[in-house]
Each structure stands twice: as structure tokens, then as C-alpha cells.
C-alpha atoms as a PDB file:
ATOM      1  CA  MET A   1     -18.907  12.866  11.934  1.00  0.00           C
ATOM      2  CA  ALA A   2     -19.552   9.039  11.820  1.00  0.00           C
ATOM      3  CA  ASP A   3     -22.836   9.846  13.893  1.00  0.00           C
ATOM      4  CA  ASP A   4     -23.838  12.059  11.034  1.00  0.00           C
ATOM      5  CA  GLY A   5     -23.840   9.501   8.466  1.00  0.00           C
ATOM      6  CA  PHE A   6     -20.604  10.651   7.052  1.00  0.00           C
ATOM      7  CA  MET A   7     -17.633   7.685   5.991  1.00  0.00           C
ATOM      8  CA  VAL A   8     -14.549   8.115   4.034  1.00  0.00           C
ATOM      9  CA  ILE A   9     -13.355   5.390   1.652  1.00  0.00           C
ATOM     10  CA  ALA A  10     -10.101   5.469   0.647  1.00  0.00           C
ATOM     11  CA  VAL A  11      -8.586   3.715  -2.737  1.00  0.00           C
ATOM     12  CA  ALA A  12      -5.338   3.299  -2.958  1.00  0.00           C
ATOM     13  CA  LEU A  13      -4.054   3.131  -6.620  1.00  0.00           C
ATOM     14  CA  ASP A  14      -1.181   0.873  -5.995  1.00  0.00           C
ATOM     15  CA  GLU A  15      -0.050  -2.862  -6.928  1.00  0.00           C
ATOM     16  CA  SER A  16      -0.254  -4.820  -4.265  1.00  0.00           C
ATOM     17  CA  ALA A  17      -1.644  -4.747  -0.408  1.00  0.00           C
ATOM     18  CA  GLU A  18       1.714  -4.512   0.916  1.00  0.00           C
ATOM     19  CA  ASP A  19       2.564  -1.703  -0.717  1.00  0.00           C
ATOM     20  CA  VAL A  20       0.088   0.339   0.642  1.00  0.00           C
ATOM     21  CA  LEU A  21      -0.296  -0.986   4.232  1.00  0.00           C
ATOM     22  CA  PRO A  22       2.610   1.158   5.935  1.00  0.00           C
ATOM     23  CA  PHE A  23       0.384   3.998   4.962  1.00  0.00           C
ATOM     24  CA  THR A  24      -2.448   2.733   6.469  1.00  0.00           C
ATOM     25  CA  GLU A  25      -1.138   2.543  10.142  1.00  0.00           C
ATOM     26  CA  GLY A  26      -3.601   4.446  12.503  1.00  0.00           C
ATOM     27  CA  ILE A  27      -6.402   5.117   9.761  1.00  0.00           C
ATOM     28  CA  SER A  28      -9.721   3.773  11.187  1.00  0.00           C
ATOM     29  CA  PHE A  29     -11.673   3.770   7.742  1.00  0.00           C
ATOM     30  CA  PRO A  30     -11.563   1.230   4.818  1.00  0.00           C
ATOM     31  CA  VAL A  31      -8.712   1.615   2.266  1.00  0.00           C
ATOM     32  CA  LEU A  32      -9.723   0.127  -0.966  1.00  0.00           C
ATOM     33  CA  LEU A  33      -7.159  -1.539  -3.306  1.00  0.00           C
ATOM     34  CA  ASP A  34      -7.261  -0.546  -6.911  1.00  0.00           C
ATOM     35  CA  ARG A  35      -4.856  -2.203  -9.017  1.00  0.00           C
ATOM     36  CA  ASP A  36      -6.182  -1.475 -12.111  1.00  0.00           C
ATOM     37  CA  HIS A  37      -7.089   2.612 -11.687  1.00  0.00           C
ATOM     38  CA  ALA A  38     -10.370   1.993 -12.668  1.00  0.00           C
ATOM     39  CA  LEU A  39     -11.758   4.725 -10.062  1.00  0.00           C
ATOM     40  CA  ALA A  40      -9.061   6.823 -11.544  1.00  0.00           C
ATOM     41  CA  GLU A  41     -10.028   6.106 -14.792  1.00  0.00           C
ATOM     42  CA  LEU A  42     -13.894   6.992 -14.450  1.00  0.00           C
ATOM     43  CA  TYR A  43     -13.428   9.917 -12.185  1.00  0.00           C
ATOM     44  CA  ALA A  44     -10.678  11.777 -14.277  1.00  0.00           C
ATOM     45  CA  VAL A  45      -8.413  11.401 -11.203  1.00  0.00           C
ATOM     46  CA  SER A  46      -5.217  12.997 -12.478  1.00  0.00           C
ATOM     47  CA  ASN A  47      -3.453  13.453  -9.339  1.00  0.00           C
ATOM     48  CA  VAL A  48      -3.368  11.917  -5.449  1.00  0.00           C
ATOM     49  CA  PRO A  49      -4.713  12.683  -3.606  1.00  0.00           C
ATOM     50  CA  THR A  50      -7.851  13.949  -5.109  1.00  0.00           C
ATOM     51  CA  VAL A  51     -11.378  13.567  -3.440  1.00  0.00           C
ATOM     52  CA  VAL A  52     -14.477  13.198  -4.754  1.00  0.00           C
ATOM     53  CA  TRP A  53     -17.259  13.651  -2.258  1.00  0.00           C
ATOM     54  CA  ILE A  54     -20.484  11.437  -2.978  1.00  0.00           C
ATOM     55  CA  ASP A  55     -23.451  11.964  -1.322  1.00  0.00           C
ATOM     56  CA  GLU A  56     -26.168   9.081   0.368  1.00  0.00           C
ATOM     57  CA  ASN A  57     -27.698   8.543  -2.769  1.00  0.00           C
ATOM     58  CA  GLY A  58     -24.589   7.975  -4.753  1.00  0.00           C
ATOM     59  CA  SER A  59     -23.933  11.434  -6.601  1.00  0.00           C
ATOM     60  CA  ILE A  60     -21.271  13.490  -6.674  1.00  0.00           C
ATOM     61  CA  ALA A  61     -21.584  16.215  -4.450  1.00  0.00           C
ATOM     62  CA  ARG A  62     -18.379  17.656  -5.169  1.00  0.00           C
ATOM     63  CA  PRO A  63     -16.366  16.610  -7.701  1.00  0.00           C
ATOM     64  CA  ASN A  64     -12.474  16.049  -7.719  1.00  0.00           C
ATOM     65  CA  SER A  65     -10.738  18.108  -5.700  1.00  0.00           C
ATOM     66  CA  ALA A  66      -6.730  17.911  -4.420  1.00  0.00           C
ATOM     67  CA  GLU A  67      -7.120  17.381  -0.856  1.00  0.00           C
ATOM     68  CA  VAL A  68      -5.080  16.453   2.120  1.00  0.00           C
ATOM     69  CA  GLY A  69      -6.328  15.168   5.554  1.00  0.00           C
ATOM     70  CA  THR A  70      -3.206  15.810   7.573  1.00  0.00           C
ATOM     71  CA  ASP A  71      -0.144  18.391   7.684  1.00  0.00           C
ATOM     72  CA  MET A  72       1.907  15.343   6.813  1.00  0.00           C
ATOM     73  CA  PHE A  73       3.420  17.104   3.121  1.00  0.00           C
ATOM     74  CA  ALA A  74       2.504  20.374   4.050  1.00  0.00           C
ATOM     75  CA  ASP A  75       5.933  21.372   3.872  1.00  0.00           C
ATOM     76  CA  PHE A  76       6.637  20.034   0.766  1.00  0.00           C
ATOM     77  CA  THR A  77       3.312  21.033  -1.086  1.00  0.00           C
ATOM     78  CA  GLY A  78       2.071  23.833   0.828  1.00  0.00           C
ATOM     79  CA  ALA A  79      -1.669  21.684   1.256  1.00  0.00           C
ATOM     80  CA  ARG A  80      -3.078  22.531   4.564  1.00  0.00           C
ATOM     81  CA  PRO A  81      -6.485  20.316   5.449  1.00  0.00           C
ATOM     82  CA  GLU A  82      -8.322  23.429   7.505  1.00  0.00           C
ATOM     83  CA  GLN A  83     -10.239  24.606   5.310  1.00  0.00           C
ATOM     84  CA  HIS A  84     -11.295  21.366   3.367  1.00  0.00           C
ATOM     85  CA  MET A  85     -12.136  19.775   7.013  1.00  0.00           C
ATOM     86  CA  ASP A  86     -14.537  23.105   7.599  1.00  0.00           C
ATOM     87  CA  GLN A  87     -16.283  22.707   4.193  1.00  0.00           C
ATOM     88  CA  ILE A  88     -17.048  18.783   4.938  1.00  0.00           C
ATOM     89  CA  ARG A  89     -18.287  19.513   8.196  1.00  0.00           C
ATOM     90  CA  ARG A  90     -20.649  22.364   6.585  1.00  0.00           C
ATOM     91  CA  TRP A  91     -21.937  20.209   4.646  1.00  0.00           C
ATOM     92  CA  VAL A  92     -22.436  17.102   6.720  1.00  0.00           C
ATOM     93  CA  GLN A  93     -24.185  19.457   9.269  1.00  0.00           C
ATOM     94  CA  SER A  94     -26.052  21.624   7.225  1.00  0.00           C
ATOM     95  CA  GLY A  95     -25.720  20.284   3.836  1.00  0.00           C
ATOM     96  CA  THR A  96     -24.123  23.065   2.498  1.00  0.00           C
ATOM     97  CA  LEU A  97     -21.650  23.021  -0.273  1.00  0.00           C
ATOM     98  CA  PRO A  98     -18.798  24.934  -1.075  1.00  0.00           C
ATOM     99  CA  ALA A  99     -19.463  27.057  -4.504  1.00  0.00           C
ATOM    100  CA  ASP A 100     -17.037  25.087  -6.109  1.00  0.00           C
ATOM    101  CA  ALA A 101     -18.878  22.379  -6.210  1.00  0.00           C
ATOM    102  CA  GLN A 102     -20.718  23.380  -9.330  1.00  0.00           C
ATOM    103  CA  THR A 103     -17.039  23.187 -11.041  1.00  0.00           C
ATOM    104  CA  GLN A 104     -17.207  20.808 -14.206  1.00  0.00           C
ATOM    105  CA  ILE A 105     -14.228  18.831 -14.423  1.00  0.00           C
ATOM    106  CA  SER A 106     -13.137  18.273 -17.933  1.00  0.00           C
ATOM    107  CA  ASP A 107     -12.908  14.473 -19.175  1.00  0.00           C
ATOM    108  CA  LEU A 108      -9.386  12.813 -20.046  1.00  0.00           C
ATOM    109  CA  ASP A 109      -8.380  13.400 -23.472  1.00  0.00           C
ATOM    110  CA  SER A 110      -7.732  11.302 -26.249  1.00  0.00           C
ATOM    111  CA  ASP A 111      -3.922  11.043 -25.438  1.00  0.00           C
ATOM    112  CA  GLU A 112      -4.568  10.672 -21.575  1.00  0.00           C
ATOM    113  CA  ILE A 113      -7.162   7.606 -22.590  1.00  0.00           C
ATOM    114  CA  ASP A 114      -4.536   6.326 -24.670  1.00  0.00           C
ATOM    115  CA  ALA A 115      -1.860   6.478 -21.682  1.00  0.00           C
ATOM    116  CA  ARG A 116      -4.296   5.100 -19.566  1.00  0.00           C
ATOM    117  CA  LEU A 117      -4.539   1.978 -21.979  1.00  0.00           C
ATOM    118  CA  ALA A 118      -1.031   1.849 -22.662  1.00  0.00           C
ATOM    119  CA  PHE A 119      -0.604   2.190 -18.702  1.00  0.00           C
ATOM    120  CA  ARG A 120      -2.873  -1.245 -18.416  1.00  0.00           C
ATOM    121  CA  ILE A 121      -0.984  -2.750 -20.969  1.00  0.00           C
ATOM    122  CA  ALA A 122       2.349  -2.268 -19.707  1.00  0.00           C
ATOM    123  CA  VAL A 123       1.062  -3.524 -15.854  1.00  0.00           C
ATOM    124  CA  HIS A 124      -0.294  -6.832 -17.270  1.00  0.00           C
ATOM    125  CA  LEU A 125       2.990  -7.480 -19.414  1.00  0.00           C
ATOM    126  CA  ARG A 126       4.406  -6.871 -16.261  1.00  0.00           C
ATOM    127  CA  ARG A 127       2.512  -8.893 -13.916  1.00  0.00           C
ATOM    128  CA  ILE A 128       3.068 -11.985 -16.758  1.00  0.00           C
ATOM    129  CA  GLY A 129       6.844 -11.370 -16.579  1.00  0.00           C
ATOM    130  CA  GLN A 130       7.192 -10.049 -20.248  1.00  0.00           C
ATOM    131  CA  LEU A 131      10.185  -7.504 -20.256  1.00  0.00           C
ATOM    132  CA  SER A 132       8.125  -5.169 -23.085  1.00  0.00           C
ATOM    133  CA  ALA A 133       6.435  -3.330 -20.251  1.00  0.00           C
ATOM    134  CA  SER A 134       9.107  -0.897 -19.822  1.00  0.00           C
ATOM    135  CA  ASP A 135       7.924   0.319 -23.569  1.00  0.00           C
ATOM    136  CA  TRP A 136       4.335   0.389 -22.527  1.00  0.00           C
ATOM    137  CA  PHE A 137       5.087   2.825 -19.251  1.00  0.00           C
ATOM    138  CA  ALA A 138       7.449   4.887 -21.509  1.00  0.00           C
ATOM    139  CA  SER A 139       4.270   5.054 -24.287  1.00  0.00           C
ATOM    140  CA  ALA A 140       1.894   6.125 -21.267  1.00  0.00           C
ATOM    141  CA  ALA A 141       4.178   8.464 -20.110  1.00  0.00           C
ATOM    142  CA  GLU A 142       4.552  10.286 -23.486  1.00  0.00           C
ATOM    143  CA  LEU A 143       1.138  10.274 -24.140  1.00  0.00           C
ATOM    144  CA  ALA A 144       0.358  11.813 -20.604  1.00  0.00           C
ATOM    145  CA  PRO A 145       3.531  13.803 -19.488  1.00  0.00           C
ATOM    146  CA  MET A 146       1.893  15.215 -16.262  1.00  0.00           C
ATOM    147  CA  ASP A 147      -0.242  12.688 -15.035  1.00  0.00           C
ATOM    148  CA  PHE A 148       0.420  11.148 -11.668  1.00  0.00           C
ATOM    149  CA  THR A 149      -1.396   7.999 -12.111  1.00  0.00           C
ATOM    150  CA  VAL A 150       0.628   6.929 -15.204  1.00  0.00           C
ATOM    151  CA  ARG A 151       4.064   8.428 -14.287  1.00  0.00           C
ATOM    152  CA  ARG A 152       4.190   8.297 -10.608  1.00  0.00           C
ATOM    153  CA  ALA A 153       2.259   4.953 -10.428  1.00  0.00           C
ATOM    154  CA  ALA A 154       4.699   3.542 -12.846  1.00  0.00           C
ATOM    155  CA  MET A 155       7.973   4.285 -10.603  1.00  0.00           C
ATOM    156  CA  PRO A 156       7.551   1.307  -8.407  1.00  0.00           C
ATOM    157  CA  LEU A 157       6.559  -0.926 -11.028  1.00  0.00           C
ATOM    158  CA  GLN A 158       9.878   0.100 -12.752  1.00  0.00           C
ATOM    159  CA  ASP A 159      11.993  -0.997  -9.582  1.00  0.00           C
ATOM    160  CA  LEU A 160      12.072   3.170  -9.312  1.00  0.00           C
ATOM    161  CA  ASP A 161      11.522   4.849  -6.035  1.00  0.00           C
ATOM    162  CA  PRO A 162       8.117   6.382  -6.053  1.00  0.00           C
ATOM    163  CA  PHE A 163       9.580   9.583  -3.481  1.00  0.00           C
ATOM    164  CA  GLY A 164      13.023   9.359  -5.588  1.00  0.00           C
ATOM    165  CA  ASP A 165      15.411  11.813  -7.631  1.00  0.00           C
ATOM    166  CA  GLN A 166      12.743  10.831 -11.051  1.00  0.00           C
ATOM    167  CA  PHE A 167       9.892  11.572  -8.407  1.00  0.00           C
ATOM    168  CA  PHE A 168      11.088  14.628  -7.610  1.00  0.00           C
ATOM    169  CA  GLU A 169      12.111  15.821 -11.330  1.00  0.00           C
ATOM    170  CA  PHE A 170       8.632  14.704 -12.629  1.00  0.00           C
ATOM    171  CA  TYR A 171       7.276  16.849  -9.588  1.00  0.00           C
ATOM    172  CA  ASP A 172       9.420  19.705 -10.620  1.00  0.00           C
ATOM    173  CA  GLU A 173       8.026  19.441 -14.340  1.00  0.00           C
ATOM    174  CA  TRP A 174       4.518  19.170 -13.249  1.00  0.00           C
ATOM    175  CA  LYS A 175       5.208  22.773 -11.255  1.00  0.00           C
ATOM    176  CA  LYS A 176       6.657  24.418 -14.316  1.00  0.00           C
ATOM    177  CA  ALA A 177       3.526  23.455 -16.409  1.00  0.00           C
ATOM    178  CA  GLY A 178       1.334  24.805 -14.268  1.00  0.00           C
ATOM    179  CA  ARG A 179       0.073  22.335 -11.968  1.00  0.00           C
ATOM    180  CA  PRO A 180      -2.263  20.530 -14.413  1.00  0.00           C
ATOM    181  CA  TYR A 181      -4.742  18.730 -12.702  1.00  0.00           C
ATOM    182  CA  HIS A 182      -8.252  17.287 -13.464  1.00  0.00           C
ATOM    183  CA  GLY A 183     -10.200  18.893 -10.576  1.00  0.00           C
ATOM    184  CA  ILE A 184     -11.139  22.020  -9.045  1.00  0.00           C
ATOM    185  CA  PRO A 185      -8.549  24.361  -9.424  1.00  0.00           C
ATOM    186  CA  HIS A 186      -6.869  25.745  -6.103  1.00  0.00           C
ATOM    187  CA  SER A 187      -5.242  29.235  -6.232  1.00  0.00           C
END
């Protein structure tokens, strides 16, 4: 849909380009690196993947939504791309937004804001080689226990496998908590 003026820009919330590179193979759109999670804070992103539709004027046309572009993790998550892709096509080709585009997304609460700050402190301490970073990662996880941009993002920074046992334990906790998410709710 590039001929219709449509563009995809991905933003990776990872520590280095090397961490992201394996996931960019075969991708033809720009992938930006947000080491400091500024975009996640700005848009109250609490899980990935999250999609935000931004129109040609730079305004949010449809707020945060947990969407996928492929069936890569469909067996694990149950998420499929077809409905979302159809919505995008209708928007790009006719300007028709889905009804859920009017959904109001809640801001981060004070604990979530404090968790993001603790996460930033942990990352900074880790970057300068301070061992106390792990205490800050733990504080961030305690303040925002269901936030993927805090808990899962901290895993590789603590030499934990982001697809290992700790991730699956966290994922199960998140599901049991009702899949909390700052974004358009999915049924």
C-alpha cells in the first residue's frame, strides 16, 4: 500500500541493534531502536507487539492495540493478523477507521511511571557496570508486575533468556491477571 501513502515503521525496545537484527531479516520497512523506551512511555505501551496508527498529519488515528503482522506466534498467542490487516486496508484506501479507533487509552498510573523510572535507572547502572542494577530491575518489576516493557525487557539485560522459563512464568501470571494492557481491548 506504499502507492497509497501507507508506511510501516517499527520501533524495537531493545538494548542494541545486534539484539534486533535477527528479527529484521526479510523486513523492508524501517526499524528504529528505542534503547530508553521513550516511545513506550509516550504512548503508554505496556506490551509488545503494540500498533499505533498515525495519520499523515502526525495525529493518532487509532490508539494502542495489540496486533500482529504474521502468524509467527499464532500457535502460542492465538493472535492472527487478518482482521487487523483488513482494517488497515480500509483505512488506507477509503479513510474508514474501525469503531474502536475512538477508544480512550488510560495513562500510566503512578506505580507504572515509577516502574519506568526504576527501569531507566537499572539500565543506566547496567550500562556503566554497576552491580546494583538488579535491585532497580526488581523494584521496577514490583511496581509494574504485568508490564512487558519492564519485566520482559529486563530479562536479557539480566542475562535471562527472554523466551526461557522466567518468560513463560511471567506470561502465565499475565494471562491469569486477565491480560492487562494499555490499549484497545480484544475479546
